[in-house]
Amino acid sequence: MWEFIFTGVRGKFTDGVQLAEVYLYDADGDNLTVAIASNPGGDQSLNLFQTANKAVDGILENRWLDTSILKPDGSCCDSATLQLTLSEAASVGSYRFVAAKSTEKRDPISWRFGYRDGSDNFVLLSEVFGATAPDPVQGQAVFYEAYPTFMPPSPPSPPPPFPSPPPSPPPAVPISLALPSSPSTPPPLEIAPSLPPLVLTPGAPSAPLPPIDGQSKSGSNQSSLSDGELAGVVVASLGGAVLILMLGFFFLLRRKSLTEMVAGGGDMPLVAVSDAPAPPT
């Protein structure tokens, strides 16, 4: 036994669920014959002639109506059940509804489909929520699209996102090591040009020294004697003083006065070389 449990209709303010026809198809799309249709717990108080068998009689002007889908307070929706038994055992591959004419508020949009097993337990095969009912046509029954017995499974839930990578460490701060500053390169040592050797000649004027770089050769601030001329004067004076001292020292040794030497007195007679006799041959 195959079973539909209707749980929602198109109209917000409805008075039941209604269909003109229900078709069952095998896996090849061929129509399956329904022998018995039932509506357990159904309520046809609005029209006693719109029973479950009108949903499988092949006449689109007939219709099945059930107001048991309403809740006790009259709001929608609770559920309404339609059971179909085939004339021969077969597997249902798909099914299709036909909406009743001029009563679109009763068109089903949500339902569950399955079968009753040997223990009379309902086995769910597929479930539809908020289907799009066909556009109504005034005075005509309209077909729903065909629905498979087994709805394709919902795509698996996406895997949880990977945990965010840890934040990047802050950029390393460059460490500069203050190295002792190298001493600045000393300026090149300026070497004064070599001076010619100083030759001291008593009584001779000294040659003037060449001027040193950076010194002016002439000017109002320069002294009258250069260093070389001054050195020559000093040396000449020293030489004369030394000569005088040597002569004085010589006369002291002789202890003779110049007068005695001239008069011929003393131990050393003064002899005239020109008057001396010639030595004997």
C-alpha atoms as a PDB file:
ATOM      1  CA  MET A   1       0.000   0.000   0.000  1.00  0.00           C
ATOM      2  CA  TRP A   2       1.328   3.421  -1.091  1.00  0.00           C
ATOM      3  CA  GLU A   3       0.610   6.478   0.951  1.00  0.00           C
ATOM      4  CA  PHE A   4       0.599  10.276   0.700  1.00  0.00           C
ATOM      5  CA  ILE A   5       0.497  12.460   3.808  1.00  0.00           C
ATOM      6  CA  PHE A   6      -0.372  16.047   2.833  1.00  0.00           C
ATOM      7  CA  THR A   7       0.895  18.761   5.211  1.00  0.00           C
ATOM      8  CA  GLY A   8       0.461  22.076   3.348  1.00  0.00           C
ATOM      9  CA  VAL A   9      -1.717  23.807   0.732  1.00  0.00           C
ATOM     10  CA  ARG A  10      -1.417  26.883  -1.483  1.00  0.00           C
ATOM     11  CA  GLY A  11      -3.967  29.115   0.216  1.00  0.00           C
ATOM     12  CA  LYS A  12      -3.338  30.640   3.616  1.00  0.00           C
ATOM     13  CA  PHE A  13      -7.058  30.685   4.404  1.00  0.00           C
ATOM     14  CA  THR A  14      -8.244  27.297   3.145  1.00  0.00           C
ATOM     15  CA  ASP A  15     -10.939  24.869   4.091  1.00  0.00           C
ATOM     16  CA  GLY A  16      -9.186  21.617   3.084  1.00  0.00           C
ATOM     17  CA  VAL A  17      -6.960  19.818   0.564  1.00  0.00           C
ATOM     18  CA  GLN A  18      -8.321  18.752  -2.840  1.00  0.00           C
ATOM     19  CA  LEU A  19      -7.176  16.909  -5.997  1.00  0.00           C
ATOM     20  CA  ALA A  20      -8.858  15.918  -9.225  1.00  0.00           C
ATOM     21  CA  GLU A  21      -6.599  12.944  -9.935  1.00  0.00           C
ATOM     22  CA  VAL A  22      -3.459  11.070  -8.796  1.00  0.00           C
ATOM     23  CA  TYR A  23      -1.337   9.043 -11.256  1.00  0.00           C
ATOM     24  CA  LEU A  24       1.297   6.438 -10.320  1.00  0.00           C
ATOM     25  CA  TYR A  25       4.023   5.298 -12.773  1.00  0.00           C
ATOM     26  CA  ASP A  26       6.534   2.443 -12.774  1.00  0.00           C
ATOM     27  CA  ALA A  27      10.239   2.844 -13.454  1.00  0.00           C
ATOM     28  CA  ASP A  28       9.603   2.851 -17.248  1.00  0.00           C
ATOM     29  CA  GLY A  29       7.001   5.612 -16.982  1.00  0.00           C
ATOM     30  CA  ASP A  30       4.018   3.332 -17.566  1.00  0.00           C
ATOM     31  CA  ASN A  31       0.781   4.039 -15.730  1.00  0.00           C
ATOM     32  CA  LEU A  32      -0.005   1.771 -12.773  1.00  0.00           C
ATOM     33  CA  THR A  33      -3.629   0.819 -12.024  1.00  0.00           C
ATOM     34  CA  VAL A  34      -4.956   1.664  -8.582  1.00  0.00           C
ATOM     35  CA  ALA A  35      -7.564  -0.795  -7.285  1.00  0.00           C
ATOM     36  CA  ILE A  36      -8.491   0.857  -3.984  1.00  0.00           C
ATOM     37  CA  ALA A  37      -8.182   4.412  -2.646  1.00  0.00           C
ATOM     38  CA  SER A  38      -8.862   5.257   0.987  1.00  0.00           C
ATOM     39  CA  ASN A  39      -8.746   8.321   3.224  1.00  0.00           C
ATOM     40  CA  PRO A  40      -8.262   7.175   6.839  1.00  0.00           C
ATOM     41  CA  GLY A  41      -9.420   9.850   9.269  1.00  0.00           C
ATOM     42  CA  GLY A  42     -10.715  11.970   6.396  1.00  0.00           C
ATOM     43  CA  ASP A  43     -13.541  14.493   6.630  1.00  0.00           C
ATOM     44  CA  GLN A  44     -15.891  15.038   3.664  1.00  0.00           C
ATOM     45  CA  SER A  45     -18.367  17.117   5.592  1.00  0.00           C
ATOM     46  CA  LEU A  46     -18.207  19.870   2.961  1.00  0.00           C
ATOM     47  CA  ASN A  47     -19.194  17.415   0.214  1.00  0.00           C
ATOM     48  CA  LEU A  48     -20.017  13.813   1.010  1.00  0.00           C
ATOM     49  CA  PHE A  49     -19.567  12.775  -2.635  1.00  0.00           C
ATOM     50  CA  GLN A  50     -15.885  13.906  -2.896  1.00  0.00           C
ATOM     51  CA  THR A  51     -14.422  10.746  -1.432  1.00  0.00           C
ATOM     52  CA  ALA A  52     -10.937   9.191  -1.958  1.00  0.00           C
ATOM     53  CA  ASN A  53     -11.959   6.988  -4.890  1.00  0.00           C
ATOM     54  CA  LYS A  54     -12.708  10.143  -6.934  1.00  0.00           C
ATOM     55  CA  ALA A  55      -8.911  10.766  -6.980  1.00  0.00           C
ATOM     56  CA  VAL A  56      -8.236   7.613  -9.070  1.00  0.00           C
ATOM     57  CA  ASP A  57     -11.335   7.223 -11.263  1.00  0.00           C
ATOM     58  CA  GLY A  58      -9.718   8.844 -14.331  1.00  0.00           C
ATOM     59  CA  ILE A  59     -12.383  11.592 -14.533  1.00  0.00           C
ATOM     60  CA  LEU A  60     -10.853  15.032 -14.121  1.00  0.00           C
ATOM     61  CA  GLU A  61     -14.194  16.659 -13.334  1.00  0.00           C
ATOM     62  CA  ASN A  62     -14.464  14.567 -10.181  1.00  0.00           C
ATOM     63  CA  ARG A  63     -12.354  15.445  -7.135  1.00  0.00           C
ATOM     64  CA  TRP A  64     -11.289  14.281  -3.732  1.00  0.00           C
ATOM     65  CA  LEU A  65     -11.669  16.687  -0.772  1.00  0.00           C
ATOM     66  CA  ASP A  66     -10.520  16.307   2.833  1.00  0.00           C
ATOM     67  CA  THR A  67     -10.956  18.980   5.519  1.00  0.00           C
ATOM     68  CA  SER A  68      -9.114  16.938   8.167  1.00  0.00           C
ATOM     69  CA  ILE A  69      -5.934  18.806   7.175  1.00  0.00           C
ATOM     70  CA  LEU A  70      -7.176  21.725   9.280  1.00  0.00           C
ATOM     71  CA  LYS A  71      -6.181  22.033  12.913  1.00  0.00           C
ATOM     72  CA  PRO A  72      -8.882  21.984  15.610  1.00  0.00           C
ATOM     73  CA  ASP A  73      -8.852  25.809  15.678  1.00  0.00           C
ATOM     74  CA  GLY A  74      -9.551  25.908  11.918  1.00  0.00           C
ATOM     75  CA  SER A  75      -6.037  27.053  10.885  1.00  0.00           C
ATOM     76  CA  CYS A  76      -3.808  25.212   8.446  1.00  0.00           C
ATOM     77  CA  CYS A  77      -2.241  22.888   8.437  1.00  0.00           C
ATOM     78  CA  ASP A  78      -2.265  19.529  10.217  1.00  0.00           C
ATOM     79  CA  SER A  79      -2.261  16.484   7.892  1.00  0.00           C
ATOM     80  CA  ALA A  80      -4.502  14.504   5.553  1.00  0.00           C
ATOM     81  CA  THR A  81      -3.792  10.930   4.382  1.00  0.00           C
ATOM     82  CA  LEU A  82      -4.516   9.301   1.018  1.00  0.00           C
ATOM     83  CA  GLN A  83      -3.749   5.555   0.634  1.00  0.00           C
ATOM     84  CA  LEU A  84      -3.582   3.757  -2.744  1.00  0.00           C
ATOM     85  CA  THR A  85      -3.504   0.005  -3.318  1.00  0.00           C
ATOM     86  CA  LEU A  86      -2.401  -1.298  -6.740  1.00  0.00           C
ATOM     87  CA  SER A  87      -4.229  -4.000  -8.602  1.00  0.00           C
ATOM     88  CA  GLU A  88      -0.916  -5.848  -8.942  1.00  0.00           C
ATOM     89  CA  ALA A  89       2.212  -5.597  -6.849  1.00  0.00           C
ATOM     90  CA  ALA A  90       4.663  -3.179  -8.446  1.00  0.00           C
ATOM     91  CA  SER A  91       7.209  -0.567  -7.568  1.00  0.00           C
ATOM     92  CA  VAL A  92       6.314   3.049  -8.042  1.00  0.00           C
ATOM     93  CA  GLY A  93       8.972   5.027  -9.877  1.00  0.00           C
ATOM     94  CA  SER A  94       7.190   8.414 -10.014  1.00  0.00           C
ATOM     95  CA  TYR A  95       3.793  10.051  -9.555  1.00  0.00           C
ATOM     96  CA  ARG A  96       1.823  13.101 -10.670  1.00  0.00           C
ATOM     97  CA  PHE A  97      -1.086  15.164  -9.352  1.00  0.00           C
ATOM     98  CA  VAL A  98      -3.898  16.975 -11.171  1.00  0.00           C
ATOM     99  CA  ALA A  99      -5.230  20.079  -9.424  1.00  0.00           C
ATOM    100  CA  ALA A 100      -8.999  20.456  -9.255  1.00  0.00           C
ATOM    101  CA  LYS A 101     -10.469  23.321 -11.266  1.00  0.00           C
ATOM    102  CA  SER A 102     -11.416  26.632  -9.632  1.00  0.00           C
ATOM    103  CA  THR A 103     -10.212  25.686  -6.116  1.00  0.00           C
ATOM    104  CA  GLU A 104      -6.487  26.606  -6.178  1.00  0.00           C
ATOM    105  CA  LYS A 105      -6.494  27.509  -2.490  1.00  0.00           C
ATOM    106  CA  ARG A 106      -6.790  23.765  -1.798  1.00  0.00           C
ATOM    107  CA  ASP A 107      -3.873  22.723  -4.044  1.00  0.00           C
ATOM    108  CA  PRO A 108      -1.308  20.731  -2.034  1.00  0.00           C
ATOM    109  CA  ILE A 109       2.285  22.119  -1.899  1.00  0.00           C
ATOM    110  CA  SER A 110       3.867  19.998   0.878  1.00  0.00           C
ATOM    111  CA  TRP A 111       3.628  16.241   1.452  1.00  0.00           C
ATOM    112  CA  ARG A 112       5.413  13.015   2.354  1.00  0.00           C
ATOM    113  CA  PHE A 113       5.382   9.857   0.179  1.00  0.00           C
ATOM    114  CA  GLY A 114       6.052   6.255   1.190  1.00  0.00           C
ATOM    115  CA  TYR A 115       4.451   2.901   1.796  1.00  0.00           C
ATOM    116  CA  ARG A 116       3.128   0.664   4.549  1.00  0.00           C
ATOM    117  CA  ASP A 117       5.267  -2.340   5.401  1.00  0.00           C
ATOM    118  CA  GLY A 118       4.104  -5.755   6.680  1.00  0.00           C
ATOM    119  CA  SER A 119       3.769  -4.350  10.218  1.00  0.00           C
ATOM    120  CA  ASP A 120       1.659  -1.451   8.906  1.00  0.00           C
ATOM    121  CA  ASN A 121       4.419   1.030   9.665  1.00  0.00           C
ATOM    122  CA  PHE A 122       4.863   4.006   7.379  1.00  0.00           C
ATOM    123  CA  VAL A 123       8.174   3.946   5.475  1.00  0.00           C
ATOM    124  CA  LEU A 124       9.162   7.353   4.139  1.00  0.00           C
ATOM    125  CA  LEU A 125      10.661   7.433   0.631  1.00  0.00           C
ATOM    126  CA  SER A 126      10.620  11.159  -0.136  1.00  0.00           C
ATOM    127  CA  GLU A 127       9.291  14.469   1.153  1.00  0.00           C
ATOM    128  CA  VAL A 128       8.423  17.711  -0.630  1.00  0.00           C
ATOM    129  CA  PHE A 129       8.248  21.144   0.989  1.00  0.00           C
ATOM    130  CA  GLY A 130       6.747  24.224  -0.675  1.00  0.00           C
ATOM    131  CA  ALA A 131       6.345  22.829  -4.190  1.00  0.00           C
ATOM    132  CA  THR A 132       5.213  25.169  -6.944  1.00  0.00           C
ATOM    133  CA  ALA A 133       1.616  24.400  -7.760  1.00  0.00           C
ATOM    134  CA  PRO A 134       0.604  24.831 -11.417  1.00  0.00           C
ATOM    135  CA  ASP A 135      -0.900  28.097 -12.552  1.00  0.00           C
ATOM    136  CA  PRO A 136      -4.684  27.802 -12.402  1.00  0.00           C
ATOM    137  CA  VAL A 137      -6.735  27.874 -15.608  1.00  0.00           C
ATOM    138  CA  GLN A 138     -10.327  28.967 -15.239  1.00  0.00           C
ATOM    139  CA  GLY A 139     -12.679  25.996 -15.564  1.00  0.00           C
ATOM    140  CA  GLN A 140      -9.901  23.435 -16.212  1.00  0.00           C
ATOM    141  CA  ALA A 141      -7.923  20.889 -14.246  1.00  0.00           C
ATOM    142  CA  VAL A 142      -4.148  21.465 -14.470  1.00  0.00           C
ATOM    143  CA  PHE A 143      -1.286  19.015 -14.066  1.00  0.00           C
ATOM    144  CA  TYR A 144       1.597  19.182 -11.615  1.00  0.00           C
ATOM    145  CA  GLU A 145       5.031  18.157 -12.749  1.00  0.00           C
ATOM    146  CA  ALA A 146       6.028  14.520 -12.190  1.00  0.00           C
ATOM    147  CA  TYR A 147       7.909  13.759  -8.974  1.00  0.00           C
ATOM    148  CA  PRO A 148      10.270  10.799  -8.507  1.00  0.00           C
ATOM    149  CA  THR A 149       9.586   8.315  -5.774  1.00  0.00           C
ATOM    150  CA  PHE A 150      13.064   8.754  -4.402  1.00  0.00           C
ATOM    151  CA  MET A 151      14.106  12.349  -4.263  1.00  0.00           C
ATOM    152  CA  PRO A 152      17.781  12.883  -5.029  1.00  0.00           C
ATOM    153  CA  PRO A 153      19.655  13.167  -1.794  1.00  0.00           C
ATOM    154  CA  SER A 154      20.533  16.591  -0.594  1.00  0.00           C
ATOM    155  CA  PRO A 155      24.123  17.561  -1.260  1.00  0.00           C
ATOM    156  CA  PRO A 156      26.319  16.896   1.710  1.00  0.00           C
ATOM    157  CA  SER A 157      26.961  19.746   4.009  1.00  0.00           C
ATOM    158  CA  PRO A 158      30.160  21.540   3.206  1.00  0.00           C
ATOM    159  CA  PRO A 159      33.023  20.590   5.454  1.00  0.00           C
ATOM    160  CA  PRO A 160      33.736  22.943   8.274  1.00  0.00           C
ATOM    161  CA  PRO A 161      36.107  25.675   7.299  1.00  0.00           C
ATOM    162  CA  PHE A 162      39.696  25.136   8.071  1.00  0.00           C
ATOM    163  CA  PRO A 163      40.825  26.951  11.152  1.00  0.00           C
ATOM    164  CA  SER A 164      42.322  30.259  10.411  1.00  0.00           C
ATOM    165  CA  PRO A 165      46.096  30.148  10.322  1.00  0.00           C
ATOM    166  CA  PRO A 166      47.791  31.797  13.243  1.00  0.00           C
ATOM    167  CA  PRO A 167      48.537  35.417  12.653  1.00  0.00           C
ATOM    168  CA  SER A 168      51.864  36.146  11.128  1.00  0.00           C
ATOM    169  CA  PRO A 169      54.494  37.221  13.618  1.00  0.00           C
ATOM    170  CA  PRO A 170      55.283  40.875  13.560  1.00  0.00           C
ATOM    171  CA  PRO A 171      58.169  41.788  11.325  1.00  0.00           C
ATOM    172  CA  ALA A 172      61.517  41.532  13.015  1.00  0.00           C
ATOM    173  CA  VAL A 173      62.906  44.832  14.112  1.00  0.00           C
ATOM    174  CA  PRO A 174      66.402  45.231  12.721  1.00  0.00           C
ATOM    175  CA  ILE A 175      68.940  45.563  15.484  1.00  0.00           C
ATOM    176  CA  SER A 176      71.762  47.894  14.711  1.00  0.00           C
ATOM    177  CA  LEU A 177      74.907  47.410  16.678  1.00  0.00           C
ATOM    178  CA  ALA A 178      76.677  50.665  17.320  1.00  0.00           C
ATOM    179  CA  LEU A 179      80.236  49.914  16.419  1.00  0.00           C
ATOM    180  CA  PRO A 180      82.931  52.239  17.674  1.00  0.00           C
ATOM    181  CA  SER A 181      83.521  54.795  15.078  1.00  0.00           C
ATOM    182  CA  SER A 182      86.798  54.419  13.348  1.00  0.00           C
ATOM    183  CA  PRO A 183      89.113  57.343  13.861  1.00  0.00           C
ATOM    184  CA  SER A 184      88.995  59.726  11.060  1.00  0.00           C
ATOM    185  CA  THR A 185      91.838  59.488   8.665  1.00  0.00           C
ATOM    186  CA  PRO A 186      94.492  61.919   9.844  1.00  0.00           C
ATOM    187  CA  PRO A 187      95.496  64.554   7.370  1.00  0.00           C
ATOM    188  CA  PRO A 188      98.636  63.743   5.469  1.00  0.00           C
ATOM    189  CA  LEU A 189     101.770  64.764   7.253  1.00  0.00           C
ATOM    190  CA  GLU A 190     103.400  67.620   5.469  1.00  0.00           C
ATOM    191  CA  ILE A 191     107.132  67.174   5.529  1.00  0.00           C
ATOM    192  CA  ALA A 192     109.134  70.353   5.144  1.00  0.00           C
ATOM    193  CA  PRO A 193     111.609  70.216   2.347  1.00  0.00           C
ATOM    194  CA  SER A 194     115.087  69.237   3.397  1.00  0.00           C
ATOM    195  CA  LEU A 195     117.406  72.118   4.196  1.00  0.00           C
ATOM    196  CA  PRO A 196     120.907  72.131   2.778  1.00  0.00           C
ATOM    197  CA  PRO A 197     123.625  71.199   5.281  1.00  0.00           C
ATOM    198  CA  LEU A 198     124.919  74.133   7.294  1.00  0.00           C
ATOM    199  CA  VAL A 199     128.576  74.752   6.739  1.00  0.00           C
ATOM    200  CA  LEU A 200     130.137  77.039   9.294  1.00  0.00           C
ATOM    201  CA  THR A 201     133.183  78.866   8.020  1.00  0.00           C
ATOM    202  CA  PRO A 202     134.776  81.242  10.497  1.00  0.00           C
ATOM    203  CA  GLY A 203     134.827  84.759   9.212  1.00  0.00           C
ATOM    204  CA  ALA A 204     132.704  83.877   6.103  1.00  0.00           C
ATOM    205  CA  PRO A 205     129.184  85.063   5.781  1.00  0.00           C
ATOM    206  CA  SER A 206     126.669  82.258   5.910  1.00  0.00           C
ATOM    207  CA  ALA A 207     124.480  81.597   2.941  1.00  0.00           C
ATOM    208  CA  PRO A 208     120.902  82.568   3.531  1.00  0.00           C
ATOM    209  CA  LEU A 209     118.556  79.680   4.288  1.00  0.00           C
ATOM    210  CA  PRO A 210     115.815  78.997   1.768  1.00  0.00           C
ATOM    211  CA  PRO A 211     112.413  80.204   2.866  1.00  0.00           C
ATOM    212  CA  ILE A 212     110.060  77.635   4.429  1.00  0.00           C
ATOM    213  CA  ASP A 213     106.727  77.043   2.678  1.00  0.00           C
ATOM    214  CA  GLY A 214     104.005  79.258   3.982  1.00  0.00           C
ATOM    215  CA  GLN A 215     106.433  82.029   5.063  1.00  0.00           C
ATOM    216  CA  SER A 216     106.658  85.239   3.134  1.00  0.00           C
ATOM    217  CA  LYS A 217     110.106  86.102   1.757  1.00  0.00           C
ATOM    218  CA  SER A 218     109.636  89.770   2.372  1.00  0.00           C
ATOM    219  CA  GLY A 219     107.386  91.985   4.396  1.00  0.00           C
ATOM    220  CA  SER A 220     107.206  94.599   7.074  1.00  0.00           C
ATOM    221  CA  ASN A 221     106.917  91.985   9.847  1.00  0.00           C
ATOM    222  CA  GLN A 222     110.169  90.125   8.852  1.00  0.00           C
ATOM    223  CA  SER A 223     113.330  90.782  10.960  1.00  0.00           C
ATOM    224  CA  SER A 224     116.325  92.527   9.308  1.00  0.00           C
ATOM    225  CA  LEU A 225     118.614  89.431   9.568  1.00  0.00           C
ATOM    226  CA  SER A 226     117.613  86.000   8.560  1.00  0.00           C
ATOM    227  CA  ASP A 227     118.330  83.034  10.791  1.00  0.00           C
ATOM    228  CA  GLY A 228     121.290  81.972   8.627  1.00  0.00           C
ATOM    229  CA  GLU A 229     122.923  85.399   8.736  1.00  0.00           C
ATOM    230  CA  LEU A 230     122.473  85.613  12.487  1.00  0.00           C
ATOM    231  CA  ALA A 231     124.117  82.210  12.936  1.00  0.00           C
ATOM    232  CA  GLY A 232     127.084  83.331  10.829  1.00  0.00           C
ATOM    233  CA  VAL A 233     127.599  86.433  12.956  1.00  0.00           C
ATOM    234  CA  VAL A 234     127.475  84.391  16.150  1.00  0.00           C
ATOM    235  CA  VAL A 235     130.018  81.872  14.820  1.00  0.00           C
ATOM    236  CA  ALA A 236     132.404  84.578  13.628  1.00  0.00           C
ATOM    237  CA  SER A 237     132.263  86.309  16.988  1.00  0.00           C
ATOM    238  CA  LEU A 238     132.979  83.068  18.803  1.00  0.00           C
ATOM    239  CA  GLY A 239     135.872  82.346  16.503  1.00  0.00           C
ATOM    240  CA  GLY A 240     137.482  85.768  17.222  1.00  0.00           C
ATOM    241  CA  ALA A 241     137.036  85.340  20.963  1.00  0.00           C
ATOM    242  CA  VAL A 242     138.645  81.929  20.858  1.00  0.00           C
ATOM    243  CA  LEU A 243     141.628  83.335  18.950  1.00  0.00           C
ATOM    244  CA  ILE A 244     142.110  86.089  21.495  1.00  0.00           C
ATOM    245  CA  LEU A 245     141.999  83.587  24.363  1.00  0.00           C
ATOM    246  CA  MET A 246     144.604  81.408  22.719  1.00  0.00           C
ATOM    247  CA  LEU A 247     147.026  84.342  22.294  1.00  0.00           C
ATOM    248  CA  GLY A 248     146.596  85.316  25.906  1.00  0.00           C
ATOM    249  CA  PHE A 249     147.236  81.814  27.006  1.00  0.00           C
ATOM    250  CA  PHE A 250     150.429  81.712  24.938  1.00  0.00           C
ATOM    251  CA  PHE A 251     151.886  84.835  26.533  1.00  0.00           C
ATOM    252  CA  LEU A 252     151.140  83.581  29.989  1.00  0.00           C
ATOM    253  CA  LEU A 253     153.181  80.502  29.354  1.00  0.00           C
ATOM    254  CA  ARG A 254     156.157  82.409  28.226  1.00  0.00           C
ATOM    255  CA  ARG A 255     155.986  84.730  31.298  1.00  0.00           C
ATOM    256  CA  LYS A 256     158.076  87.173  29.354  1.00  0.00           C
ATOM    257  CA  SER A 257     156.987  90.492  28.381  1.00  0.00           C
ATOM    258  CA  LEU A 258     157.278  91.739  24.894  1.00  0.00           C
ATOM    259  CA  THR A 259     159.793  94.445  26.025  1.00  0.00           C
ATOM    260  CA  GLU A 260     162.251  91.879  27.395  1.00  0.00           C
ATOM    261  CA  MET A 261     162.108  89.951  24.184  1.00  0.00           C
ATOM    262  CA  VAL A 262     162.858  93.051  22.144  1.00  0.00           C
ATOM    263  CA  ALA A 263     165.790  94.101  24.462  1.00  0.00           C
ATOM    264  CA  GLY A 264     167.356  90.634  24.274  1.00  0.00           C
ATOM    265  CA  GLY A 265     167.058  89.922  27.957  1.00  0.00           C
ATOM    266  CA  GLY A 266     166.159  86.613  29.439  1.00  0.00           C
ATOM    267  CA  ASP A 267     167.032  83.094  28.554  1.00  0.00           C
ATOM    268  CA  MET A 268     166.061  83.330  24.875  1.00  0.00           C
ATOM    269  CA  PRO A 269     168.352  85.951  23.044  1.00  0.00           C
ATOM    270  CA  LEU A 270     166.875  87.507  19.982  1.00  0.00           C
ATOM    271  CA  VAL A 271     169.186  86.519  17.042  1.00  0.00           C
ATOM    272  CA  ALA A 272     169.069  88.087  13.635  1.00  0.00           C
ATOM    273  CA  VAL A 273     169.041  85.327  11.084  1.00  0.00           C
ATOM    274  CA  SER A 274     170.612  87.400   8.364  1.00  0.00           C
ATOM    275  CA  ASP A 275     173.826  88.171  10.435  1.00  0.00           C
ATOM    276  CA  ALA A 276     174.598  84.581  11.565  1.00  0.00           C
ATOM    277  CA  PRO A 277     177.841  82.995  10.170  1.00  0.00           C
ATOM    278  CA  ALA A 278     177.491  80.248   7.618  1.00  0.00           C
ATOM    279  CA  PRO A 279     178.099  76.781   8.981  1.00  0.00           C
ATOM    280  CA  PRO A 280     181.494  75.242   8.138  1.00  0.00           C
ATOM    281  CA  THR A 281     181.510  72.987   5.149  1.00  0.00           C
END
